[in-house]
């Protein structure tokens, strides 16, 4: 959308769009600025990508959306179902093993 004169008043060109080469309005006082397109964000949780078939469904939805979206598109995908729990368990085991090794004297000590 075009900013109204009141919205633009007192705002420098770089403050509006971060581009010092932005065009000035016909009056030469305030820059013309058209708002960039919005972002459309799709976020898919772990069960949505829990298998190859589900990943394919997500890909199809994203491609359909990209073809018709009036906005820029961002896609956020969580880890597959169960992966976060596995990572957490692995970290817990590693931390416990590190703790045990720290308390157990090494042969060289």
Protein backbone atom coordinates (compact mmCIF):
# COMPACT_ATOMS: atom_id res chain seq x y z
CA UNK A 1 0.00 0.00 0.00
CA UNK A 2 1.09 3.56 -0.55
CA UNK A 3 1.78 5.51 2.64
CA UNK A 4 -0.34 8.63 3.11
CA UNK A 5 1.31 12.02 3.30
CA UNK A 6 0.63 12.08 7.03
CA UNK A 7 2.30 8.67 7.51
CA UNK A 8 5.32 9.77 5.51
CA UNK A 9 5.72 13.19 7.11
CA UNK A 10 9.00 13.61 8.87
CA UNK A 11 10.27 10.17 7.94
CA UNK A 12 13.50 9.94 6.01
CA UNK A 13 13.81 7.81 2.90
CA UNK A 14 16.19 5.30 4.52
CA UNK A 15 13.96 4.96 7.58
CA UNK A 16 11.01 3.95 5.43
CA UNK A 17 12.59 1.29 3.26
CA UNK A 18 16.27 1.06 4.12
CA UNK A 19 17.16 2.08 0.57
CA UNK A 20 18.83 5.48 0.14
CA UNK A 21 18.11 5.33 -3.62
CA UNK A 22 14.32 5.14 -3.10
CA UNK A 23 12.39 7.51 -5.32
CA UNK A 24 11.08 10.77 -3.93
CA UNK A 25 7.46 11.80 -4.37
CA UNK A 26 6.55 14.38 -7.00
CA UNK A 27 6.66 17.09 -4.34
CA UNK A 28 10.26 16.08 -3.64
CA UNK A 29 9.74 16.24 0.11
CA UNK A 30 8.82 12.70 1.08
CA UNK A 31 9.74 9.38 -0.47
CA UNK A 32 7.18 7.25 -2.25
CA UNK A 33 6.95 3.82 -0.74
CA UNK A 34 4.90 0.78 -1.53
CA UNK A 35 4.74 -1.82 1.22
CA UNK A 36 6.49 -5.06 0.26
CA UNK A 37 4.37 -8.18 0.02
CA UNK A 38 3.63 -9.94 3.27
CA UNK A 39 5.07 -13.26 4.29
CA UNK A 40 2.94 -16.38 4.37
CA UNK A 41 4.42 -18.89 6.83
CA UNK A 42 3.58 -22.58 6.85
CA UNK A 43 4.72 -24.50 9.95
CA UNK A 44 4.52 -28.28 9.99
CA UNK A 45 4.88 -30.22 13.24
CA UNK A 46 6.60 -33.55 13.78
CA UNK A 47 3.62 -35.79 13.02
CA UNK A 48 3.03 -33.90 9.75
CA UNK A 49 6.43 -35.09 8.55
CA UNK A 50 6.49 -38.44 10.36
CA UNK A 51 6.90 -40.53 7.21
CA UNK A 52 7.89 -40.25 3.56
CA UNK A 53 4.21 -40.13 2.53
CA UNK A 54 3.51 -37.31 4.95
CA UNK A 55 6.56 -35.39 3.69
CA UNK A 56 5.16 -35.77 0.17
CA UNK A 57 1.81 -34.36 1.35
CA UNK A 58 3.58 -31.39 2.92
CA UNK A 59 5.54 -30.79 -0.30
CA UNK A 60 2.32 -30.89 -2.34
CA UNK A 61 0.62 -28.39 -0.01
CA UNK A 62 3.61 -26.05 -0.14
CA UNK A 63 3.81 -26.18 -3.95
CA UNK A 64 0.07 -25.49 -4.26
CA UNK A 65 0.35 -22.59 -1.86
CA UNK A 66 3.40 -21.17 -3.62
CA UNK A 67 1.55 -21.20 -6.94
CA UNK A 68 -1.35 -19.14 -5.59
CA UNK A 69 0.12 -17.16 -2.69
CA UNK A 70 0.10 -13.38 -3.09
CA UNK A 71 2.95 -13.23 -0.59
CA UNK A 72 6.45 -14.51 -0.05
CA UNK A 73 6.44 -18.01 1.37
CA UNK A 74 8.42 -19.41 4.30
CA UNK A 75 8.23 -23.06 5.34
CA UNK A 76 9.18 -24.24 8.84
CA UNK A 77 9.43 -27.98 9.41
CA UNK A 78 9.90 -29.62 12.80
CA UNK A 79 11.92 -32.77 13.30
CA UNK A 80 10.12 -35.95 12.32
CA UNK A 81 7.96 -37.59 14.98
CA UNK A 82 10.08 -39.03 17.79
CA UNK A 83 13.35 -37.41 16.69
CA UNK A 84 13.31 -34.67 19.34
CA UNK A 85 12.74 -37.27 22.07
CA UNK A 86 15.62 -39.38 20.69
CA UNK A 87 17.94 -36.38 20.61
CA UNK A 88 17.00 -35.47 24.17
CA UNK A 89 17.61 -39.04 25.36
CA UNK A 90 20.99 -39.12 23.60
CA UNK A 91 22.02 -35.85 25.23
CA UNK A 92 20.91 -37.11 28.64
CA UNK A 93 22.94 -40.31 28.20
CA UNK A 94 25.99 -38.39 27.01
CA UNK A 95 25.76 -36.00 29.97
CA UNK A 96 25.47 -38.91 32.41
CA UNK A 97 28.48 -40.67 30.85
CA UNK A 98 30.49 -37.45 31.02
CA UNK A 99 29.56 -37.01 34.67
CA UNK A 100 30.65 -40.58 35.49
CA UNK A 101 33.95 -40.18 33.63
CA UNK A 102 34.67 -36.95 35.45
CA UNK A 103 34.26 -38.63 38.84
CA UNK A 104 36.21 -41.77 37.88
CA UNK A 105 39.99 -41.25 38.01
CA UNK A 106 41.85 -42.06 34.82
CA UNK A 107 44.62 -44.62 34.79
CA UNK A 108 47.22 -41.90 34.29
CA UNK A 109 46.09 -39.87 37.32
